[in-house]
């Protein structure tokens, strides 16, 4: 169908307590409107798979302090990821893959200590994994494939609940941490291909009977 834009204004008397807004794959065009940042009871925001939705993530999205799930996957969003997203400390799911984001991962995302899934694949991002990520001890799924990230992945050793690490097609280097996936049970997914790692595969990987590539 034809692309259409969200209204620039909304009557907040109608939906003052809106907790979920899902506008997935409906042909949205234009930009993320500023009124979304006034929906202060929002817990779920899904604007994914709207290929004509562009512009940047509004800084004021970081004021939606109750947000638990933010999905902006598969749009034409650009610019950098706002540091203000580090304010969203109830966030469990942050999906920003398949856009045109640039710049580095904000150190402030390490404040999201309830984060379970972080998906930044297929953007134009660069830089290293922030040292603050050592605090993301609830993180299970980390997807960074298809960017220009570099540096080591040593900080990921601290992520005791990590079960999926998909970081294919970057410029990560150094050795694979010896304690990565150490003690994790259940199914694991790992893709480290097309990077610049050196050295031996950790001996702990020999115990990963449920590994899928």
Protein backbone atom coordinates (compact mmCIF):
# COMPACT_ATOMS: atom_id res chain seq x y z
CA UNK A 1 0.00 0.00 0.00
CA UNK A 2 0.92 3.65 -0.16
CA UNK A 3 3.24 5.06 2.46
CA UNK A 4 1.63 7.27 5.07
CA UNK A 5 2.87 9.43 7.90
CA UNK A 6 1.89 9.51 11.54
CA UNK A 7 -0.06 12.62 12.52
CA UNK A 8 2.04 15.45 13.89
CA UNK A 9 -0.31 15.88 16.85
CA UNK A 10 -2.49 13.57 18.93
CA UNK A 11 -5.27 14.14 21.46
CA UNK A 12 -3.83 12.89 24.75
CA UNK A 13 -7.27 12.99 26.38
CA UNK A 14 -8.12 9.99 24.21
CA UNK A 15 -5.23 7.69 25.16
CA UNK A 16 -3.45 9.15 28.21
CA UNK A 17 -2.50 5.74 29.56
CA UNK A 18 -1.45 4.01 26.34
CA UNK A 19 1.07 1.32 27.31
CA UNK A 20 1.81 -0.30 23.94
CA UNK A 21 2.09 1.20 20.46
CA UNK A 22 2.75 -1.28 17.66
CA UNK A 23 2.83 0.05 14.09
CA UNK A 24 4.80 -2.74 12.45
CA UNK A 25 5.10 -3.09 8.67
CA UNK A 26 2.30 -0.68 7.79
CA UNK A 27 4.15 1.57 5.33
CA UNK A 28 4.97 4.41 7.71
CA UNK A 29 6.98 7.22 6.12
CA UNK A 30 8.59 10.40 7.35
CA UNK A 31 10.01 10.68 10.85
CA UNK A 32 9.29 9.49 14.38
CA UNK A 33 6.88 12.22 15.57
CA UNK A 34 7.64 14.13 18.75
CA UNK A 35 4.26 13.32 20.34
CA UNK A 36 5.39 9.73 20.88
CA UNK A 37 7.81 11.03 23.49
CA UNK A 38 4.84 12.38 25.48
CA UNK A 39 3.30 8.90 25.92
CA UNK A 40 4.87 8.54 29.35
CA UNK A 41 3.08 5.28 30.22
CA UNK A 42 4.43 3.50 27.16
CA UNK A 43 6.05 0.13 27.85
CA UNK A 44 6.22 -1.24 24.31
CA UNK A 45 7.06 0.75 21.16
CA UNK A 46 7.34 -1.19 17.90
CA UNK A 47 7.76 0.77 14.66
CA UNK A 48 9.66 -1.99 12.85
CA UNK A 49 9.73 -2.82 9.13
CA UNK A 50 8.59 0.54 7.80
CA UNK A 51 11.15 1.04 5.05
CA UNK A 52 10.29 4.70 4.45
CA UNK A 53 10.56 5.72 8.11
CA UNK A 54 13.69 7.86 8.37
CA UNK A 55 15.32 10.59 10.38
CA UNK A 56 16.93 10.08 13.76
CA UNK A 57 15.84 8.65 17.11
CA UNK A 58 14.48 11.61 19.11
CA UNK A 59 16.64 12.37 22.15
CA UNK A 60 13.42 12.73 24.16
CA UNK A 61 12.67 9.02 23.67
CA UNK A 62 14.91 8.67 26.71
CA UNK A 63 12.15 10.33 28.77
CA UNK A 64 9.83 7.31 28.33
CA UNK A 65 11.11 5.89 31.59
CA UNK A 66 8.77 2.86 31.69
CA UNK A 67 9.76 1.48 28.27
CA UNK A 68 10.57 -2.24 28.37
CA UNK A 69 10.66 -3.05 24.64
CA UNK A 70 11.84 -0.73 21.88
CA UNK A 71 11.85 -2.17 18.35
CA UNK A 72 12.88 0.07 15.43
CA UNK A 73 14.18 -2.78 13.23
CA UNK A 74 14.25 -2.54 9.44
CA UNK A 75 13.65 1.16 8.83
CA UNK A 76 15.76 3.94 7.27
CA UNK A 77 16.74 5.56 10.55
CA UNK A 78 20.13 7.28 10.65
CA UNK A 79 22.32 9.40 12.88
CA UNK A 80 23.68 8.08 16.16
CA UNK A 81 22.03 6.17 19.00
CA UNK A 82 21.12 8.76 21.66
CA UNK A 83 22.88 8.51 25.01
CA UNK A 84 19.49 9.23 26.57
CA UNK A 85 18.40 5.62 25.92
CA UNK A 86 20.60 4.79 28.92
CA UNK A 87 17.84 6.33 31.07
CA UNK A 88 15.43 3.51 30.15
CA UNK A 89 16.42 1.22 32.98
CA UNK A 90 13.34 -1.05 32.68
CA UNK A 91 14.33 -1.95 29.11
CA UNK A 92 14.63 -5.67 28.40
CA UNK A 93 14.59 -5.57 24.58
CA UNK A 94 16.35 -3.04 22.34
CA UNK A 95 16.21 -3.81 18.62
CA UNK A 96 17.75 -1.25 16.23
CA UNK A 97 19.10 -3.55 13.50
CA UNK A 98 18.86 -3.04 9.73
CA UNK A 99 18.91 0.75 9.71
CA UNK A 100 21.62 3.26 8.82
CA UNK A 101 22.91 4.20 12.26
CA UNK A 102 26.48 5.45 12.52
CA UNK A 103 28.84 6.30 15.34
CA UNK A 104 29.63 4.21 18.39
CA UNK A 105 27.60 2.29 20.96
CA UNK A 106 26.89 4.76 23.79
CA UNK A 107 28.60 3.84 27.06
CA UNK A 108 25.27 4.70 28.71
CA UNK A 109 23.64 1.52 27.35
CA UNK A 110 25.63 -0.29 30.03
CA UNK A 111 23.17 1.20 32.55
CA UNK A 112 20.35 -0.98 31.16
CA UNK A 113 20.91 -3.75 33.68
CA UNK A 114 17.62 -5.54 32.85
CA UNK A 115 18.54 -5.81 29.16
CA UNK A 116 17.99 -9.30 27.78
CA UNK A 117 18.29 -8.67 24.02
CA UNK A 118 20.40 -6.08 22.17
CA UNK A 119 20.22 -6.15 18.37
CA UNK A 120 22.27 -3.61 16.36
CA UNK A 121 23.03 -5.68 13.24
CA UNK A 122 23.46 -4.34 9.70
CA UNK A 123 24.09 -0.67 10.42
CA UNK A 124 27.15 1.51 9.75
CA UNK A 125 28.34 1.59 13.36
CA UNK A 126 31.96 1.53 14.51
CA UNK A 127 34.13 1.65 17.61
CA UNK A 128 34.47 -0.95 20.33
CA UNK A 129 32.09 -2.64 22.76
CA UNK A 130 31.81 -0.26 25.75
CA UNK A 131 33.48 -1.36 28.98
CA UNK A 132 30.17 -0.62 30.73
CA UNK A 133 28.70 -3.72 29.05
CA UNK A 134 30.31 -5.80 31.81
CA UNK A 135 27.31 -4.72 33.93
CA UNK A 136 24.73 -6.24 31.54
CA UNK A 137 24.58 -9.49 33.46
CA UNK A 138 21.00 -10.31 32.33
CA UNK A 139 21.96 -10.09 28.64
CA UNK A 140 21.24 -13.32 26.76
CA UNK A 141 21.22 -12.23 23.11
CA UNK A 142 23.81 -9.88 21.60
CA UNK A 143 23.61 -9.28 17.84
CA UNK A 144 26.17 -6.88 16.30
CA UNK A 145 26.70 -8.49 12.87
CA UNK A 146 27.39 -6.45 9.74
CA UNK A 147 28.89 -3.27 11.19
CA UNK A 148 32.40 -1.83 11.47
CA UNK A 149 32.99 -2.60 15.15
CA UNK A 150 36.57 -3.24 16.30
CA UNK A 151 38.62 -3.94 19.39
CA UNK A 152 38.45 -7.02 21.59
CA UNK A 153 35.40 -8.78 23.00
CA UNK A 154 37.02 -9.35 26.41
CA UNK A 155 34.28 -7.42 28.23
CA UNK A 156 31.77 -10.13 27.22
CA UNK A 157 33.41 -12.59 29.63
CA UNK A 158 31.35 -10.99 32.40
CA UNK A 159 28.03 -11.82 30.73
CA UNK A 160 27.22 -15.01 32.59
CA UNK A 161 23.78 -15.44 30.98
CA UNK A 162 24.87 -14.89 27.37
CA UNK A 163 23.53 -17.67 25.11
CA UNK A 164 23.60 -16.00 21.66
CA UNK A 165 26.56 -14.02 20.33
CA UNK A 166 26.22 -13.06 16.67
CA UNK A 167 29.00 -10.64 15.66
CA UNK A 168 29.83 -11.77 12.11
CA UNK A 169 31.30 -9.31 9.58
CA UNK A 170 33.02 -6.74 11.78
CA UNK A 171 36.67 -6.00 12.57
CA UNK A 172 36.87 -7.47 16.08
CA UNK A 173 40.37 -8.65 17.00
CA UNK A 174 42.40 -10.20 19.79
CA UNK A 175 41.72 -13.61 21.27
CA UNK A 176 38.36 -15.17 22.06
CA UNK A 177 37.93 -14.90 25.86
CA UNK A 178 38.62 -18.18 27.67
CA UNK A 179 35.61 -17.86 29.95
CA UNK A 180 33.06 -16.96 27.26
CA UNK A 181 29.97 -19.19 27.75
CA UNK A 182 31.69 -20.79 30.75
CA UNK A 183 29.04 -22.52 32.85
CA UNK A 184 26.14 -21.69 30.53
CA UNK A 185 23.68 -24.53 29.99
CA UNK A 186 21.12 -25.01 27.22
CA UNK A 187 21.23 -24.12 23.53
CA UNK A 188 23.86 -21.65 22.37
CA UNK A 189 24.26 -19.67 19.15
CA UNK A 190 27.67 -18.32 18.13
CA UNK A 191 28.83 -16.61 14.93
CA UNK A 192 32.25 -14.95 15.01
CA UNK A 193 32.99 -15.24 11.28
CA UNK A 194 34.68 -12.58 9.16
CA UNK A 195 36.51 -10.85 11.99
CA UNK A 196 40.22 -10.71 12.86
CA UNK A 197 40.48 -12.97 15.88
CA UNK A 198 43.78 -14.70 16.62
CA UNK A 199 44.86 -17.55 18.84
CA UNK A 200 43.17 -20.77 19.86
CA UNK A 201 39.52 -21.51 20.36
CA UNK A 202 38.86 -21.56 24.13
CA UNK A 203 38.98 -25.01 25.67
CA UNK A 204 35.56 -24.39 27.24
CA UNK A 205 34.05 -24.54 23.74
CA UNK A 206 34.74 -28.29 23.70
CA UNK A 207 31.90 -28.67 26.20
CA UNK A 208 29.37 -26.77 24.08
CA UNK A 209 27.34 -29.74 22.87
CA UNK A 210 24.34 -27.59 21.95
CA UNK A 211 26.26 -25.08 19.83
CA UNK A 212 24.62 -23.90 16.61
CA UNK A 213 26.49 -21.82 14.05
